[in-house]
Amino acid sequence: MTDGASDTEDDDSYLAFETRFRKHSDEPDILDWSVELRRYPASNDEPGPPLARLKGFLAQPGYLPEEDDDWYFAVFDMRSEHAVQALEILTANTTLIKKGLKRPMSFDECGAVAHLERMWVDPSLRGKGVGIRLMREAKHVLGRYGLLVILKAHLDGDDVSGADNLKLAAYYQSDKSLGLVPVSKKKRPGWLVGVWDEPVAHPDDSLFFYEDD
C-alpha cells in the first residue's frame, strides 16, 4: 500500500469522507471498495476530486486460501504484484500470522480476506493523520466476523529504503484500534495483518475532516 498525491483547493468548502463499493464484474464473491476524502463546495453537493484515497478489495468465499488454490490465485493475480505477494504470505506464512495476531483461533475461523492495496494523500494534508482516519473508516465499513486484513506499508520512489517502509508500517500500527501487527519485520518487512471482526466506529470519528485539527 503506497502513498501518492492529488491536489485541489477551495477555501469556501468542507472536507467529508465517503466509501464506495462495487461488485466485481467477473467474480460475484469479490467487492472492490474505496474510502475517499473529498472537498465539497458550500454552495452545492458536487464534490471535487479526492484529496485522499484508500482502496482495496474484499474476497469472501467462506474460507482462507491454501496452497495451489486456483480461485484465490486468479483473484489476487489479476490485481497487482503486491496482491500476489499477499496471497503468498497468506498461504506460506500462516504460523507467523498466527503468532503475530496472538489470537490463533481468529485466524482459523476467518473466511474472508480484505487486501488494502493502495493509499495516497494530498501533500497539503500529510502529517494530519488522514491515512489512519481512512483506515479506521475502512474498518468500520468492512468489519465482519471472520475478516482477515492484509497490507504492505510501501512508499513510492526510487530512493525509498526498507527503514522508510518500516517507519510507515509503525505509523499504521500506532492506532491500536486498527489491531494491525507485522507478519515478520525480518522475513516480510512492511507487511501487516489484522482481524477486523466487528464494524466498530471510532468514537472520535465523524463524517467531516477538520483541517485545523
Protein backbone atom coordinates (compact mmCIF):
# COMPACT_ATOMS: atom_id res chain seq x y z
CA MET A 1 0.00 0.00 0.00
CA THR A 2 1.60 3.23 -1.10
CA ASP A 3 1.41 6.94 -0.51
CA GLY A 4 0.90 9.23 -3.50
CA ALA A 5 -0.69 12.61 -4.12
CA SER A 6 -3.60 14.59 -5.52
CA ASP A 7 -4.48 18.23 -5.04
CA THR A 8 -7.34 20.69 -5.10
CA GLU A 9 -8.23 23.74 -3.05
CA ASP A 10 -11.42 25.62 -2.27
CA ASP A 11 -11.48 27.99 0.72
CA ASP A 12 -15.28 28.12 0.83
CA SER A 13 -15.68 24.40 1.35
CA TYR A 14 -15.59 21.46 3.73
CA LEU A 15 -14.00 18.02 3.68
CA ALA A 16 -16.04 14.83 4.05
CA PHE A 17 -15.34 11.10 3.88
CA GLU A 18 -17.22 8.71 1.66
CA THR A 19 -16.99 4.98 1.00
CA ARG A 20 -17.87 3.23 -2.24
CA PHE A 21 -18.43 -0.43 -3.03
CA ARG A 22 -18.69 -2.13 -6.40
CA LYS A 23 -19.22 -5.77 -7.19
CA HIS A 24 -16.54 -7.21 -9.43
CA SER A 25 -17.90 -7.92 -12.90
CA ASP A 26 -16.37 -11.41 -13.19
CA GLU A 27 -16.33 -12.63 -9.57
CA PRO A 28 -19.54 -12.21 -7.52
CA ASP A 29 -17.66 -13.03 -4.29
CA ILE A 30 -15.37 -10.00 -4.79
CA LEU A 31 -16.15 -6.43 -3.80
CA ASP A 32 -13.96 -3.53 -4.88
CA TRP A 33 -14.07 -0.66 -2.40
CA SER A 34 -12.54 2.73 -1.72
CA VAL A 35 -12.60 5.26 1.11
CA GLU A 36 -12.07 8.83 -0.04
CA LEU A 37 -11.75 12.29 1.44
CA ARG A 38 -13.30 14.89 -0.87
CA ARG A 39 -13.77 18.63 -0.77
CA TYR A 40 -17.35 19.85 -1.09
CA PRO A 41 -18.21 23.45 -2.02
CA ALA A 42 -20.50 25.11 0.49
CA SER A 43 -22.88 26.05 -2.34
CA ASN A 44 -23.71 22.53 -3.63
CA ASP A 45 -23.28 18.80 -3.12
CA GLU A 46 -20.93 18.18 -6.04
CA PRO A 47 -17.52 17.21 -4.62
CA GLY A 48 -14.16 17.89 -6.15
CA PRO A 49 -11.61 15.16 -6.90
CA PRO A 50 -10.35 13.07 -3.97
CA LEU A 51 -7.76 14.60 -1.67
CA ALA A 52 -7.01 11.20 -0.16
CA ARG A 53 -7.96 7.65 -1.02
CA LEU A 54 -7.58 4.15 0.38
CA LYS A 55 -8.67 1.37 -1.93
CA GLY A 56 -8.71 -2.40 -1.98
CA PHE A 57 -10.85 -5.45 -2.47
CA LEU A 58 -12.76 -7.92 -0.33
CA ALA A 59 -12.79 -11.64 -1.13
CA GLN A 60 -15.38 -13.58 0.83
CA PRO A 61 -15.69 -17.17 -0.41
CA GLY A 62 -16.12 -18.54 3.15
CA TYR A 63 -12.59 -19.87 3.60
CA LEU A 64 -8.98 -18.71 3.65
CA PRO A 65 -6.60 -19.51 0.80
CA GLU A 66 -4.46 -22.62 0.82
CA GLU A 67 -1.53 -23.55 -1.38
CA ASP A 68 -2.47 -24.25 -5.02
CA ASP A 69 -5.87 -22.60 -4.57
CA ASP A 70 -6.79 -21.72 -8.17
CA TRP A 71 -9.73 -19.45 -7.28
CA TYR A 72 -7.77 -17.29 -4.85
CA PHE A 73 -4.77 -17.18 -7.16
CA ALA A 74 -6.89 -15.97 -10.07
CA VAL A 75 -8.43 -13.24 -7.89
CA PHE A 76 -5.14 -11.94 -6.47
CA ASP A 77 -3.13 -12.40 -9.67
CA MET A 78 -5.41 -10.08 -11.66
CA ARG A 79 -4.83 -7.23 -9.17
CA SER A 80 -1.14 -6.43 -8.76
CA GLU A 81 2.28 -7.75 -7.81
CA HIS A 82 1.60 -6.76 -4.21
CA ALA A 83 -1.62 -8.78 -4.27
CA VAL A 84 0.28 -11.85 -5.47
CA GLN A 85 2.76 -11.33 -2.63
CA ALA A 86 -0.13 -11.00 -0.19
CA LEU A 87 -1.52 -14.36 -1.32
CA GLU A 88 1.91 -15.95 -0.95
CA ILE A 89 2.11 -14.67 2.63
CA LEU A 90 -1.39 -15.88 3.45
CA THR A 91 -0.57 -19.39 2.28
CA ALA A 92 3.10 -19.73 3.23
CA ASN A 93 3.30 -17.78 6.48
CA THR A 94 0.28 -18.89 8.48
CA THR A 95 2.42 -19.70 11.50
CA LEU A 96 3.93 -16.21 11.52
CA ILE A 97 0.49 -14.63 11.11
CA LYS A 98 -0.99 -16.60 13.98
CA LYS A 99 1.98 -15.74 16.18
CA GLY A 100 1.69 -12.06 15.35
CA LEU A 101 -2.05 -11.88 15.92
CA LYS A 102 -1.76 -13.73 19.24
CA ARG A 103 -5.29 -14.91 18.57
CA PRO A 104 -4.81 -18.22 16.74
CA MET A 105 -8.50 -19.12 16.69
CA SER A 106 -9.31 -15.83 14.96
CA PHE A 107 -7.16 -16.85 12.01
CA ASP A 108 -8.56 -20.39 11.86
CA GLU A 109 -12.14 -19.09 11.84
CA CYS A 110 -11.61 -16.48 9.13
CA GLY A 111 -13.48 -16.91 5.87
CA ALA A 112 -12.87 -13.58 4.13
CA VAL A 113 -9.82 -11.53 3.17
CA ALA A 114 -9.55 -7.79 2.59
CA HIS A 115 -6.42 -6.55 0.86
CA LEU A 116 -5.72 -2.86 1.44
CA GLU A 117 -3.99 -2.20 -1.85
CA ARG A 118 -3.11 1.46 -2.10
CA MET A 119 -3.25 4.71 -0.16
CA TRP A 120 -2.42 8.22 -1.29
CA VAL A 121 -2.83 11.58 0.43
CA ASP A 122 -2.54 15.09 -0.94
CA PRO A 123 0.74 16.72 0.22
CA SER A 124 -1.21 19.56 1.87
CA LEU A 125 -2.89 17.06 4.21
CA ARG A 126 0.05 14.87 5.11
CA GLY A 127 1.09 14.77 8.72
CA LYS A 128 -2.51 15.29 9.88
CA GLY A 129 -3.45 11.65 10.47
CA VAL A 130 -5.51 11.30 7.30
CA GLY A 131 -4.10 7.86 6.47
CA ILE A 132 -5.07 6.46 9.86
CA ARG A 133 -8.50 8.05 9.54
CA LEU A 134 -9.06 6.37 6.16
CA MET A 135 -8.11 3.02 7.65
CA ARG A 136 -10.48 3.45 10.58
CA GLU A 137 -13.27 4.22 8.14
CA ALA A 138 -12.38 1.09 6.20
CA LYS A 139 -12.56 -0.98 9.38
CA HIS A 140 -15.96 0.49 10.20
CA VAL A 141 -17.48 -0.40 6.83
CA LEU A 142 -15.62 -3.66 6.15
CA GLY A 143 -15.65 -5.16 9.63
CA ARG A 144 -17.42 -8.52 9.85
CA TYR A 145 -16.98 -11.85 11.57
CA GLY A 146 -14.04 -13.78 10.17
CA LEU A 147 -12.40 -10.94 8.21
CA LEU A 148 -8.62 -11.06 7.89
CA VAL A 149 -6.97 -7.91 6.50
CA ILE A 150 -3.53 -7.69 4.94
CA LEU A 151 -1.50 -4.78 3.56
CA LYS A 152 2.03 -3.71 2.79
CA ALA A 153 3.35 -0.38 4.04
CA HIS A 154 5.28 0.73 0.98
CA LEU A 155 6.28 4.23 -0.08
CA ASP A 156 6.64 5.29 -3.72
CA GLY A 157 10.01 6.42 -5.04
CA ASP A 158 13.34 5.06 -6.20
CA ASP A 159 15.22 6.23 -3.11
CA VAL A 160 12.87 4.69 -0.53
CA SER A 161 14.67 2.43 1.95
CA GLY A 162 13.46 -0.54 3.92
CA ALA A 163 13.72 1.62 7.04
CA ASP A 164 11.33 4.14 5.45
CA ASN A 165 8.76 1.40 4.84
CA LEU A 166 9.13 0.07 8.38
CA LYS A 167 8.56 3.60 9.67
CA LEU A 168 5.35 3.78 7.63
CA ALA A 169 4.30 0.39 8.99
CA ALA A 170 4.88 1.65 12.53
CA TYR A 171 2.65 4.63 11.75
CA TYR A 172 -0.17 2.32 10.65
CA GLN A 173 0.30 0.29 13.84
CA SER A 174 0.25 3.38 16.06
CA ASP A 175 -3.56 3.37 16.20
CA LYS A 176 -4.27 0.35 18.39
CA SER A 177 -7.94 0.33 17.38
CA LEU A 178 -6.87 -0.99 13.96
CA GLY A 179 -5.23 -4.06 15.51
CA LEU A 180 -2.51 -4.30 12.84
CA VAL A 181 0.59 -6.36 13.56
CA PRO A 182 3.69 -7.20 11.47
CA VAL A 183 3.89 -10.59 9.80
CA SER A 184 7.66 -10.56 10.32
CA LYS A 185 9.87 -7.47 10.30
CA LYS A 186 12.79 -9.61 9.15
CA LYS A 187 11.19 -12.03 6.69
CA ARG A 188 8.29 -9.88 5.45
CA PRO A 189 9.26 -6.25 6.17
CA GLY A 190 6.36 -3.82 5.88
CA TRP A 191 3.62 -6.44 5.71
CA LEU A 192 0.85 -6.11 8.29
CA VAL A 193 -2.20 -8.21 9.15
CA GLY A 194 -5.18 -7.85 11.42
CA VAL A 195 -8.60 -9.30 12.19
CA TRP A 196 -11.47 -6.86 11.70
CA ASP A 197 -14.29 -8.96 13.07
CA GLU A 198 -16.61 -6.09 14.06
CA PRO A 199 -17.85 -2.97 12.23
CA VAL A 200 -16.82 -0.61 15.03
CA ALA A 201 -16.86 3.16 14.58
CA HIS A 202 -14.07 5.03 16.34
CA PRO A 203 -15.57 7.42 18.93
CA ASP A 204 -13.51 10.38 17.64
CA ASP A 205 -14.53 9.99 14.00
CA SER A 206 -17.20 11.99 12.23
CA LEU A 207 -18.27 12.42 8.63
CA PHE A 208 -16.14 15.54 8.30
CA PHE A 209 -12.40 16.22 8.46
CA TYR A 210 -11.28 19.45 10.09
CA GLU A 211 -8.01 20.68 8.63
CA ASP A 212 -7.04 22.63 11.76
CA ASP A 213 -7.09 19.52 13.99
